[in-house]
Structure formats: C-alpha cells, structure tokens
Amino acid sequence: MSKYRTDTRDIAPKIELPEKQTPGECPDNRVPIYDVEGRRRGHVGRKASAATVARFGVRNAKLGKKDGREAWLGGNVSGGYGSAK
C-alpha cells in the first residue's frame, strides 16, 4: 500500500461553473440604458432612479419597454438654465 492517496474521487466534489456571458450582453437582473439614438450606454439595478441613469450621460430618461424588456430610455427634451430653446 502506498503512503500517497491514489483514489481522488472522494477528496473534493466537482465545482460547477456558471454560464459565461458574452461581451455586450446585459444580465437578466439588470436594466439596460439607451440614449436618444437607441445606443446602449450601460445597465443599472432595478432600484435605480433617473438621477442614477443621468450619470451615464442620458438626461430626462423614462422607464419603458424596448425589445420586450424593461429599459431606461433617453428623452430628447432639452431645456433648463442657459438653454438655446
């Protein structure tokens, strides 16, 4: 009998790795952010506010649906102090 263990089946269970995501794919538990032109700017959590979405450069965003999924959609309303309109 060897002093080293040769049967390694009972030492550690196999670790199952999660599915790998492809780059540019938005996770299911996140809400994507789209600007006025329809380009995706990022994603945030479900409890994010419009102020959080504004950090991605998307002003006046409203929560809506895009491709059958909830998303923050950028508004094209300009205005405010010093605005040309």
N, C-alpha and C. Protein backbone atom coordinates (compact mmCIF):
# COMPACT_ATOMS: atom_id res chain seq x y z
N MET A 1 0.83 -1.19 0.00
CA MET A 1 0.00 0.00 0.00
C MET A 1 0.88 1.25 0.00
N SER A 2 0.50 2.20 -0.84
CA SER A 2 1.28 3.43 -0.98
C SER A 2 0.91 4.41 0.12
N LYS A 3 1.88 5.22 0.51
CA LYS A 3 1.58 6.22 1.53
C LYS A 3 0.84 7.43 0.94
N TYR A 4 0.78 7.52 -0.38
CA TYR A 4 0.04 8.60 -1.05
C TYR A 4 -1.31 8.08 -1.51
N ARG A 5 -2.28 8.92 -1.43
CA ARG A 5 -3.62 8.54 -1.85
C ARG A 5 -3.70 8.54 -3.38
N THR A 6 -4.14 7.47 -3.95
CA THR A 6 -4.25 7.37 -5.41
C THR A 6 -5.68 7.53 -5.88
N ASP A 7 -6.64 7.26 -5.01
CA ASP A 7 -8.04 7.39 -5.39
C ASP A 7 -8.51 8.78 -4.97
N THR A 8 -8.71 9.69 -5.94
CA THR A 8 -9.07 11.08 -5.63
C THR A 8 -10.55 11.37 -5.82
N ARG A 9 -11.36 10.34 -6.01
CA ARG A 9 -12.79 10.59 -6.24
C ARG A 9 -13.50 11.14 -5.02
N ASP A 10 -13.04 10.81 -3.83
CA ASP A 10 -13.77 11.24 -2.64
C ASP A 10 -13.14 12.46 -1.95
N ILE A 11 -12.16 13.08 -2.55
CA ILE A 11 -11.49 14.21 -1.91
C ILE A 11 -12.33 15.48 -2.00
N ALA A 12 -12.68 15.90 -3.20
CA ALA A 12 -13.42 17.16 -3.36
C ALA A 12 -14.46 16.99 -4.46
N PRO A 13 -15.64 17.56 -4.24
CA PRO A 13 -16.65 17.48 -5.30
C PRO A 13 -16.29 18.39 -6.47
N LYS A 14 -16.82 18.08 -7.62
CA LYS A 14 -16.58 18.92 -8.80
C LYS A 14 -17.32 20.24 -8.63
N ILE A 15 -16.66 21.30 -9.00
CA ILE A 15 -17.26 22.64 -8.92
C ILE A 15 -17.86 22.95 -10.27
N GLU A 16 -19.16 23.27 -10.25
CA GLU A 16 -19.83 23.64 -11.49
C GLU A 16 -19.72 25.14 -11.69
N LEU A 17 -19.20 25.54 -12.82
CA LEU A 17 -19.01 26.95 -13.12
C LEU A 17 -20.28 27.52 -13.74
N PRO A 18 -20.61 28.80 -13.47
CA PRO A 18 -21.79 29.41 -14.08
C PRO A 18 -21.56 29.62 -15.58
N GLU A 19 -22.66 29.84 -16.29
CA GLU A 19 -22.56 30.10 -17.73
C GLU A 19 -21.77 31.38 -17.97
N LYS A 20 -20.93 31.36 -18.97
CA LYS A 20 -20.16 32.56 -19.30
C LYS A 20 -21.02 33.49 -20.14
N GLN A 21 -20.92 34.78 -19.85
CA GLN A 21 -21.65 35.77 -20.62
C GLN A 21 -20.77 36.26 -21.76
N THR A 22 -21.43 36.60 -22.85
CA THR A 22 -20.69 37.18 -23.96
C THR A 22 -20.58 38.68 -23.73
N PRO A 23 -19.52 39.32 -24.18
CA PRO A 23 -19.38 40.76 -24.00
C PRO A 23 -20.53 41.52 -24.68
N GLY A 24 -21.02 42.53 -24.02
CA GLY A 24 -22.11 43.33 -24.56
C GLY A 24 -23.48 42.82 -24.19
N GLU A 25 -23.55 41.69 -23.54
CA GLU A 25 -24.84 41.12 -23.13
C GLU A 25 -25.22 41.68 -21.77
N CYS A 26 -26.47 42.07 -21.62
CA CYS A 26 -26.95 42.62 -20.36
C CYS A 26 -27.50 41.48 -19.50
N PRO A 27 -27.05 41.36 -18.24
CA PRO A 27 -27.57 40.30 -17.38
C PRO A 27 -29.07 40.44 -17.18
N ASP A 28 -29.73 39.33 -16.87
CA ASP A 28 -31.19 39.33 -16.70
C ASP A 28 -31.65 40.16 -15.52
N ASN A 29 -30.83 40.29 -14.49
CA ASN A 29 -31.24 41.03 -13.31
C ASN A 29 -30.89 42.51 -13.37
N ARG A 30 -30.47 43.02 -14.52
CA ARG A 30 -30.11 44.43 -14.70
C ARG A 30 -31.03 45.08 -15.73
N VAL A 31 -31.14 46.41 -15.66
CA VAL A 31 -31.98 47.17 -16.58
C VAL A 31 -31.06 47.97 -17.50
N PRO A 32 -31.15 47.74 -18.83
CA PRO A 32 -30.26 48.47 -19.75
C PRO A 32 -30.66 49.94 -19.88
N ILE A 33 -29.69 50.77 -20.29
CA ILE A 33 -29.91 52.20 -20.50
C ILE A 33 -29.65 52.49 -21.97
N TYR A 34 -30.61 53.16 -22.63
CA TYR A 34 -30.47 53.54 -24.03
C TYR A 34 -30.56 55.05 -24.15
N ASP A 35 -29.72 55.65 -25.01
CA ASP A 35 -29.80 57.09 -25.23
C ASP A 35 -30.84 57.40 -26.31
N VAL A 36 -30.91 58.65 -26.72
CA VAL A 36 -31.93 59.10 -27.67
C VAL A 36 -31.79 58.39 -29.01
N GLU A 37 -30.57 58.11 -29.45
CA GLU A 37 -30.34 57.46 -30.74
C GLU A 37 -30.54 55.95 -30.68
N GLY A 38 -30.79 55.39 -29.51
CA GLY A 38 -31.01 53.95 -29.38
C GLY A 38 -29.75 53.15 -29.09
N ARG A 39 -28.65 53.83 -28.78
CA ARG A 39 -27.41 53.13 -28.43
C ARG A 39 -27.43 52.78 -26.95
N ARG A 40 -26.96 51.61 -26.63
CA ARG A 40 -26.93 51.20 -25.24
C ARG A 40 -25.75 51.84 -24.52
N ARG A 41 -26.02 52.46 -23.39
CA ARG A 41 -24.99 53.19 -22.65
C ARG A 41 -24.50 52.44 -21.42
N GLY A 42 -25.22 51.42 -20.98
CA GLY A 42 -24.82 50.67 -19.80
C GLY A 42 -26.01 49.97 -19.21
N HIS A 43 -25.90 49.57 -17.94
CA HIS A 43 -27.02 48.95 -17.25
C HIS A 43 -26.93 49.26 -15.77
N VAL A 44 -28.08 49.26 -15.12
CA VAL A 44 -28.17 49.58 -13.70
C VAL A 44 -29.07 48.55 -13.03
N GLY A 45 -29.14 48.61 -11.72
CA GLY A 45 -30.00 47.72 -10.96
C GLY A 45 -31.47 48.12 -11.08
N ARG A 46 -32.33 47.27 -10.57
CA ARG A 46 -33.77 47.50 -10.68
C ARG A 46 -34.26 48.70 -9.87
N LYS A 47 -33.55 49.08 -8.82
CA LYS A 47 -33.99 50.18 -7.96
C LYS A 47 -33.35 51.52 -8.33
N ALA A 48 -32.68 51.59 -9.48
CA ALA A 48 -32.01 52.82 -9.89
C ALA A 48 -33.02 53.91 -10.23
N SER A 49 -32.64 55.15 -9.98
CA SER A 49 -33.50 56.29 -10.27
C SER A 49 -33.02 56.98 -11.54
N ALA A 50 -33.79 57.97 -11.98
CA ALA A 50 -33.42 58.74 -13.17
C ALA A 50 -32.12 59.51 -12.93
N ALA A 51 -31.85 59.88 -11.67
CA ALA A 51 -30.61 60.57 -11.35
C ALA A 51 -29.41 59.64 -11.53
N THR A 52 -29.58 58.38 -11.20
CA THR A 52 -28.51 57.39 -11.41
C THR A 52 -28.26 57.19 -12.89
N VAL A 53 -29.31 57.14 -13.67
CA VAL A 53 -29.19 56.94 -15.12
C VAL A 53 -28.52 58.16 -15.76
N ALA A 54 -28.73 59.35 -15.21
CA ALA A 54 -28.13 60.57 -15.76
C ALA A 54 -26.61 60.53 -15.68
N ARG A 55 -26.05 59.72 -14.80
CA ARG A 55 -24.60 59.60 -14.71
C ARG A 55 -24.00 58.95 -15.95
N PHE A 56 -24.82 58.25 -16.72
CA PHE A 56 -24.37 57.62 -17.95
C PHE A 56 -24.49 58.55 -19.15
N GLY A 57 -24.84 59.80 -18.91
CA GLY A 57 -24.96 60.78 -19.99
C GLY A 57 -26.32 60.77 -20.66
N VAL A 58 -27.30 60.14 -20.06
CA VAL A 58 -28.65 60.06 -20.62
C VAL A 58 -29.56 60.91 -19.74
N ARG A 59 -29.90 62.09 -20.24
CA ARG A 59 -30.74 63.01 -19.47
C ARG A 59 -32.21 62.77 -19.77
N ASN A 60 -33.08 63.11 -18.81
CA ASN A 60 -34.54 63.01 -18.94
C ASN A 60 -34.98 61.60 -19.33
N ALA A 61 -34.37 60.59 -18.76
CA ALA A 61 -34.70 59.20 -19.10
C ALA A 61 -36.01 58.78 -18.43
N LYS A 62 -36.76 57.96 -19.14
CA LYS A 62 -38.02 57.41 -18.63
C LYS A 62 -37.92 55.90 -18.68
N LEU A 63 -38.56 55.24 -17.73
CA LEU A 63 -38.60 53.80 -17.71
C LEU A 63 -39.64 53.33 -18.72
N GLY A 64 -39.25 52.47 -19.65
CA GLY A 64 -40.16 51.99 -20.69
C GLY A 64 -39.78 50.59 -21.13
N LYS A 65 -40.29 50.18 -22.28
CA LYS A 65 -40.01 48.85 -22.82
C LYS A 65 -39.26 48.97 -24.13
N LYS A 66 -38.25 48.12 -24.30
CA LYS A 66 -37.53 48.03 -25.57
C LYS A 66 -37.20 46.56 -25.78
N ASP A 67 -37.55 46.03 -26.93
CA ASP A 67 -37.35 44.62 -27.27
C ASP A 67 -38.03 43.70 -26.25
N GLY A 68 -39.19 44.11 -25.76
CA GLY A 68 -39.95 43.31 -24.80
C GLY A 68 -39.35 43.26 -23.42
N ARG A 69 -38.47 44.18 -23.12
CA ARG A 69 -37.77 44.18 -21.83
C ARG A 69 -37.80 45.58 -21.24
N GLU A 70 -37.90 45.67 -19.93
CA GLU A 70 -37.88 46.96 -19.25
C GLU A 70 -36.53 47.63 -19.46
N ALA A 71 -36.53 48.93 -19.78
CA ALA A 71 -35.28 49.64 -20.04
C ALA A 71 -35.47 51.13 -19.74
N TRP A 72 -34.36 51.80 -19.47
CA TRP A 72 -34.35 53.25 -19.33
C TRP A 72 -34.13 53.83 -20.72
N LEU A 73 -35.06 54.67 -21.16
CA LEU A 73 -34.99 55.25 -22.50
C LEU A 73 -34.73 56.75 -22.37
N GLY A 74 -33.73 57.24 -23.08
CA GLY A 74 -33.36 58.64 -23.02
C GLY A 74 -34.39 59.52 -23.68
N GLY A 75 -34.63 60.67 -23.08
CA GLY A 75 -35.55 61.63 -23.63
C GLY A 75 -34.83 62.69 -24.44
N ASN A 76 -35.48 63.24 -25.44
CA ASN A 76 -34.84 64.26 -26.26
C ASN A 76 -35.32 65.65 -25.90
N VAL A 77 -35.77 65.84 -24.68
CA VAL A 77 -36.24 67.13 -24.21
C VAL A 77 -35.03 67.95 -23.78
N SER A 78 -34.85 69.10 -24.38
CA SER A 78 -33.77 69.98 -23.94
C SER A 78 -34.40 71.19 -23.28
N GLY A 79 -33.71 71.75 -22.40
CA GLY A 79 -34.25 72.90 -21.68
C GLY A 79 -33.44 73.14 -20.44
N GLY A 80 -33.86 74.09 -19.65
CA GLY A 80 -33.16 74.38 -18.42
C GLY A 80 -32.42 75.69 -18.52
N TYR A 81 -31.65 75.99 -17.54
CA TYR A 81 -30.92 77.24 -17.45
C TYR A 81 -29.89 77.34 -18.56
N GLY A 82 -29.91 78.40 -19.32
CA GLY A 82 -28.93 78.63 -20.37
C GLY A 82 -29.20 77.86 -21.64
N SER A 83 -30.39 77.32 -21.78
CA SER A 83 -30.71 76.53 -22.97
C SER A 83 -31.00 77.43 -24.15
N ALA A 84 -30.73 76.91 -25.34
CA ALA A 84 -30.99 77.68 -26.56
C ALA A 84 -32.48 77.69 -26.90
N LYS A 85 -33.25 76.77 -26.35
CA LYS A 85 -34.69 76.72 -26.66
C LYS A 85 -35.51 77.46 -25.66
